[in-house]
N, C-alpha and C. Protein backbone atom coordinates (compact mmCIF):
# COMPACT_ATOMS: atom_id res chain seq x y z
N LYS A 1 15.15 2.21 19.96
CA LYS A 1 15.48 2.27 18.54
C LYS A 1 14.30 1.73 17.74
N LYS A 2 13.86 2.49 16.78
CA LYS A 2 12.74 2.07 15.94
C LYS A 2 13.30 1.34 14.72
N GLU A 3 12.76 0.17 14.46
CA GLU A 3 13.19 -0.64 13.33
C GLU A 3 12.23 -0.47 12.15
N ALA A 4 12.76 -0.49 10.96
CA ALA A 4 11.94 -0.43 9.75
C ALA A 4 11.66 -1.84 9.26
N VAL A 5 10.47 -2.07 8.80
CA VAL A 5 10.10 -3.36 8.22
C VAL A 5 10.07 -3.18 6.71
N ASP A 6 10.85 -4.01 6.02
CA ASP A 6 10.93 -3.92 4.56
C ASP A 6 10.10 -4.99 3.86
N ILE A 7 10.03 -6.16 4.48
CA ILE A 7 9.36 -7.30 3.86
C ILE A 7 8.44 -7.95 4.89
N TYR A 8 7.24 -8.29 4.46
CA TYR A 8 6.30 -9.01 5.32
C TYR A 8 5.94 -10.33 4.65
N ILE A 9 6.22 -11.43 5.35
CA ILE A 9 5.86 -12.77 4.86
C ILE A 9 4.75 -13.26 5.78
N PRO A 10 3.53 -13.32 5.28
CA PRO A 10 2.42 -13.71 6.15
C PRO A 10 2.41 -15.20 6.44
N HIS A 11 1.81 -15.55 7.56
CA HIS A 11 1.54 -16.94 7.86
C HIS A 11 0.52 -17.43 6.84
N PRO A 12 0.66 -18.67 6.34
CA PRO A 12 -0.28 -19.15 5.30
C PRO A 12 -1.76 -19.06 5.67
N ARG A 13 -2.07 -19.20 6.96
CA ARG A 13 -3.49 -19.12 7.35
C ARG A 13 -4.00 -17.68 7.42
N TYR A 14 -3.09 -16.71 7.43
CA TYR A 14 -3.49 -15.32 7.60
C TYR A 14 -2.92 -14.45 6.50
N ASP A 15 -2.98 -14.93 5.27
CA ASP A 15 -2.32 -14.21 4.18
C ASP A 15 -3.15 -13.08 3.58
N SER A 16 -4.32 -12.82 4.12
CA SER A 16 -5.17 -11.76 3.55
C SER A 16 -4.78 -10.37 4.04
N HIS A 17 -4.00 -10.27 5.13
CA HIS A 17 -3.61 -8.96 5.65
C HIS A 17 -2.44 -8.40 4.85
N GLN A 18 -2.54 -7.13 4.51
CA GLN A 18 -1.48 -6.44 3.77
C GLN A 18 -1.05 -5.20 4.55
N PHE A 19 0.24 -4.88 4.48
CA PHE A 19 0.76 -3.68 5.13
C PHE A 19 1.20 -2.69 4.07
N ASN A 20 0.95 -1.43 4.31
CA ASN A 20 1.38 -0.37 3.40
C ASN A 20 2.85 -0.06 3.62
N GLY A 21 3.54 0.27 2.55
CA GLY A 21 4.93 0.72 2.66
C GLY A 21 5.95 -0.39 2.79
N VAL A 22 5.54 -1.65 2.65
CA VAL A 22 6.47 -2.77 2.70
C VAL A 22 6.15 -3.74 1.57
N LEU A 23 7.12 -4.59 1.24
CA LEU A 23 6.87 -5.64 0.27
C LEU A 23 6.09 -6.75 0.96
N ASN A 24 4.87 -6.98 0.53
CA ASN A 24 4.03 -8.05 1.06
C ASN A 24 4.23 -9.27 0.15
N VAL A 25 4.90 -10.29 0.66
CA VAL A 25 5.24 -11.46 -0.15
C VAL A 25 4.03 -12.38 -0.23
N SER A 26 3.65 -12.70 -1.44
CA SER A 26 2.58 -13.65 -1.68
C SER A 26 3.19 -14.79 -2.47
N SER A 27 3.28 -15.96 -1.86
CA SER A 27 3.96 -17.07 -2.50
C SER A 27 3.38 -18.39 -2.03
N GLU A 28 3.52 -19.39 -2.85
CA GLU A 28 3.14 -20.75 -2.47
C GLU A 28 4.23 -21.41 -1.64
N MET A 29 5.42 -20.81 -1.62
CA MET A 29 6.55 -21.38 -0.87
C MET A 29 6.38 -21.10 0.63
N ILE A 30 7.02 -21.94 1.45
CA ILE A 30 7.02 -21.69 2.88
C ILE A 30 8.00 -20.56 3.16
N ALA A 31 7.81 -19.89 4.30
CA ALA A 31 8.63 -18.73 4.64
C ALA A 31 10.12 -19.06 4.68
N GLU A 32 10.47 -20.24 5.19
CA GLU A 32 11.87 -20.64 5.26
C GLU A 32 12.51 -20.61 3.87
N ASP A 33 11.81 -21.12 2.86
CA ASP A 33 12.36 -21.14 1.50
C ASP A 33 12.46 -19.74 0.91
N ILE A 34 11.48 -18.91 1.21
CA ILE A 34 11.53 -17.51 0.75
C ILE A 34 12.75 -16.82 1.35
N ILE A 35 12.95 -17.00 2.63
CA ILE A 35 14.08 -16.37 3.32
C ILE A 35 15.40 -16.91 2.79
N LEU A 36 15.50 -18.21 2.55
CA LEU A 36 16.72 -18.79 2.00
C LEU A 36 17.04 -18.23 0.62
N GLU A 37 16.02 -17.92 -0.18
CA GLU A 37 16.25 -17.28 -1.48
C GLU A 37 16.89 -15.90 -1.31
N TYR A 38 16.43 -15.13 -0.33
CA TYR A 38 17.05 -13.83 -0.06
C TYR A 38 18.50 -14.01 0.38
N LEU A 39 18.76 -15.00 1.21
CA LEU A 39 20.13 -15.26 1.67
C LEU A 39 21.04 -15.64 0.51
N GLU A 40 20.54 -16.41 -0.45
CA GLU A 40 21.32 -16.79 -1.62
C GLU A 40 21.71 -15.58 -2.46
N GLN A 41 20.95 -14.48 -2.34
CA GLN A 41 21.26 -13.24 -3.05
C GLN A 41 22.27 -12.39 -2.27
N GLY A 42 22.72 -12.90 -1.12
CA GLY A 42 23.71 -12.19 -0.32
C GLY A 42 23.12 -11.18 0.65
N ILE A 43 21.84 -11.27 0.90
CA ILE A 43 21.17 -10.34 1.79
C ILE A 43 21.16 -10.90 3.21
N SER A 44 21.64 -10.12 4.16
CA SER A 44 21.53 -10.48 5.58
C SER A 44 20.17 -10.03 6.07
N LEU A 45 19.56 -10.84 6.92
CA LEU A 45 18.19 -10.55 7.34
C LEU A 45 18.04 -10.49 8.85
N GLU A 46 17.09 -9.68 9.26
CA GLU A 46 16.63 -9.65 10.64
C GLU A 46 15.18 -10.12 10.62
N ILE A 47 14.90 -11.16 11.40
CA ILE A 47 13.55 -11.71 11.45
C ILE A 47 12.92 -11.33 12.78
N TYR A 48 11.74 -10.71 12.71
CA TYR A 48 10.98 -10.35 13.89
C TYR A 48 9.73 -11.21 13.93
N GLY A 49 9.47 -11.84 15.07
CA GLY A 49 8.30 -12.69 15.16
C GLY A 49 7.94 -13.02 16.59
N PHE A 50 6.82 -13.68 16.73
CA PHE A 50 6.31 -14.10 18.03
C PHE A 50 6.69 -15.55 18.28
N ASN A 51 8.01 -15.81 18.36
CA ASN A 51 8.51 -17.17 18.59
C ASN A 51 7.99 -18.13 17.53
N SER A 52 8.12 -17.76 16.29
CA SER A 52 7.58 -18.58 15.21
C SER A 52 8.47 -19.78 14.91
N THR A 53 7.87 -20.79 14.31
CA THR A 53 8.64 -21.96 13.91
C THR A 53 9.66 -21.60 12.83
N VAL A 54 9.37 -20.60 12.03
CA VAL A 54 10.34 -20.13 11.04
C VAL A 54 11.61 -19.68 11.74
N GLN A 55 11.48 -18.92 12.81
CA GLN A 55 12.64 -18.46 13.56
C GLN A 55 13.43 -19.64 14.12
N TYR A 56 12.74 -20.62 14.66
CA TYR A 56 13.42 -21.79 15.22
C TYR A 56 14.13 -22.59 14.13
N ASN A 57 13.48 -22.76 13.00
CA ASN A 57 14.07 -23.54 11.91
C ASN A 57 15.31 -22.89 11.33
N LEU A 58 15.38 -21.56 11.37
CA LEU A 58 16.50 -20.83 10.77
C LEU A 58 17.46 -20.26 11.82
N ASN A 59 17.33 -20.71 13.04
CA ASN A 59 18.07 -20.13 14.16
C ASN A 59 19.59 -20.26 14.05
N ASN A 60 20.09 -21.27 13.39
CA ASN A 60 21.54 -21.50 13.35
C ASN A 60 22.22 -20.91 12.12
N ILE A 61 21.55 -20.06 11.39
CA ILE A 61 22.15 -19.43 10.21
C ILE A 61 22.73 -18.08 10.64
N SER A 62 24.04 -17.93 10.47
CA SER A 62 24.74 -16.77 11.02
C SER A 62 24.35 -15.45 10.37
N THR A 63 23.84 -15.46 9.15
CA THR A 63 23.47 -14.21 8.48
C THR A 63 22.06 -13.77 8.81
N ILE A 64 21.41 -14.48 9.73
CA ILE A 64 20.07 -14.11 10.19
C ILE A 64 20.14 -13.72 11.65
N LYS A 65 19.57 -12.57 11.97
CA LYS A 65 19.40 -12.16 13.37
C LYS A 65 17.93 -12.33 13.71
N ASN A 66 17.67 -13.09 14.75
CA ASN A 66 16.29 -13.34 15.18
C ASN A 66 15.91 -12.41 16.32
N TYR A 67 14.74 -11.83 16.23
CA TYR A 67 14.21 -10.97 17.28
C TYR A 67 12.84 -11.49 17.70
N LYS A 68 12.71 -11.73 18.97
CA LYS A 68 11.44 -12.19 19.54
C LYS A 68 10.66 -10.96 19.98
N ILE A 69 9.44 -10.82 19.50
CA ILE A 69 8.58 -9.72 19.89
C ILE A 69 7.85 -10.11 21.17
N THR A 70 7.94 -9.27 22.18
CA THR A 70 7.22 -9.52 23.44
C THR A 70 6.31 -8.34 23.73
N SER A 71 5.29 -8.61 24.50
CA SER A 71 4.33 -7.56 24.85
C SER A 71 3.56 -7.98 26.10
N PRO A 72 3.21 -7.03 26.94
CA PRO A 72 2.37 -7.37 28.08
C PRO A 72 0.97 -7.82 27.66
N PHE A 73 0.63 -7.60 26.40
CA PHE A 73 -0.69 -8.00 25.89
C PHE A 73 -0.71 -9.46 25.41
N LEU A 74 0.45 -10.11 25.39
CA LEU A 74 0.55 -11.49 24.95
C LEU A 74 0.58 -12.43 26.14
N LYS A 75 0.15 -13.66 25.94
CA LYS A 75 0.26 -14.68 26.98
C LYS A 75 1.73 -14.93 27.28
N ASP A 76 2.03 -15.35 28.49
CA ASP A 76 3.41 -15.63 28.88
C ASP A 76 4.07 -16.64 27.95
N SER A 77 3.31 -17.61 27.46
CA SER A 77 3.90 -18.63 26.58
C SER A 77 4.46 -18.01 25.30
N PHE A 78 3.83 -16.94 24.81
CA PHE A 78 4.37 -16.25 23.64
C PHE A 78 5.61 -15.45 24.00
N ASN A 79 5.59 -14.82 25.15
CA ASN A 79 6.71 -13.98 25.55
C ASN A 79 7.96 -14.78 25.91
N HIS A 80 7.79 -15.99 26.42
CA HIS A 80 8.95 -16.76 26.87
C HIS A 80 9.44 -17.75 25.83
N GLY A 81 8.61 -18.15 24.90
CA GLY A 81 9.04 -19.04 23.83
C GLY A 81 9.47 -20.40 24.33
N LEU A 82 10.34 -21.01 23.56
CA LEU A 82 10.79 -22.36 23.89
C LEU A 82 12.23 -22.39 24.36
N GLY A 83 12.72 -21.29 24.90
CA GLY A 83 14.05 -21.27 25.48
C GLY A 83 15.17 -20.87 24.53
N PHE A 84 14.85 -20.44 23.32
CA PHE A 84 15.90 -19.98 22.42
C PHE A 84 16.35 -18.59 22.83
N ASP A 85 17.60 -18.31 22.61
CA ASP A 85 18.18 -17.04 23.04
C ASP A 85 18.10 -16.01 21.92
N PHE A 86 16.89 -15.64 21.53
CA PHE A 86 16.71 -14.61 20.52
C PHE A 86 16.87 -13.24 21.16
N ASN A 87 17.23 -12.26 20.35
CA ASN A 87 17.19 -10.88 20.81
C ASN A 87 15.73 -10.56 21.12
N GLN A 88 15.51 -9.62 22.01
CA GLN A 88 14.14 -9.32 22.43
C GLN A 88 13.76 -7.89 22.07
N VAL A 89 12.55 -7.72 21.54
CA VAL A 89 12.00 -6.42 21.21
C VAL A 89 10.63 -6.34 21.87
N SER A 90 10.43 -5.35 22.72
CA SER A 90 9.14 -5.19 23.39
C SER A 90 8.30 -4.17 22.67
N VAL A 91 7.00 -4.47 22.58
CA VAL A 91 6.06 -3.52 21.98
C VAL A 91 4.95 -3.23 22.95
């Protein structure tokens, strides 16, 4: 199943990359606060990431589905994470 990406929130150290066809969020706020603002608007979210701290920090919010991106091109530490039971998406 191919998933569509609607919003991209860059890591603060890598905010110069932009993607076409999606909302590229540029903000002084941390990603967790940006995501919480969307949740306050009643939007359910799916977060895709490489075992990011954002995913861990928001893991217990029922209206968020977390997806861990795995790939044979990544180190095992990225693919296995810290033991959280996120849904898995391979690329």
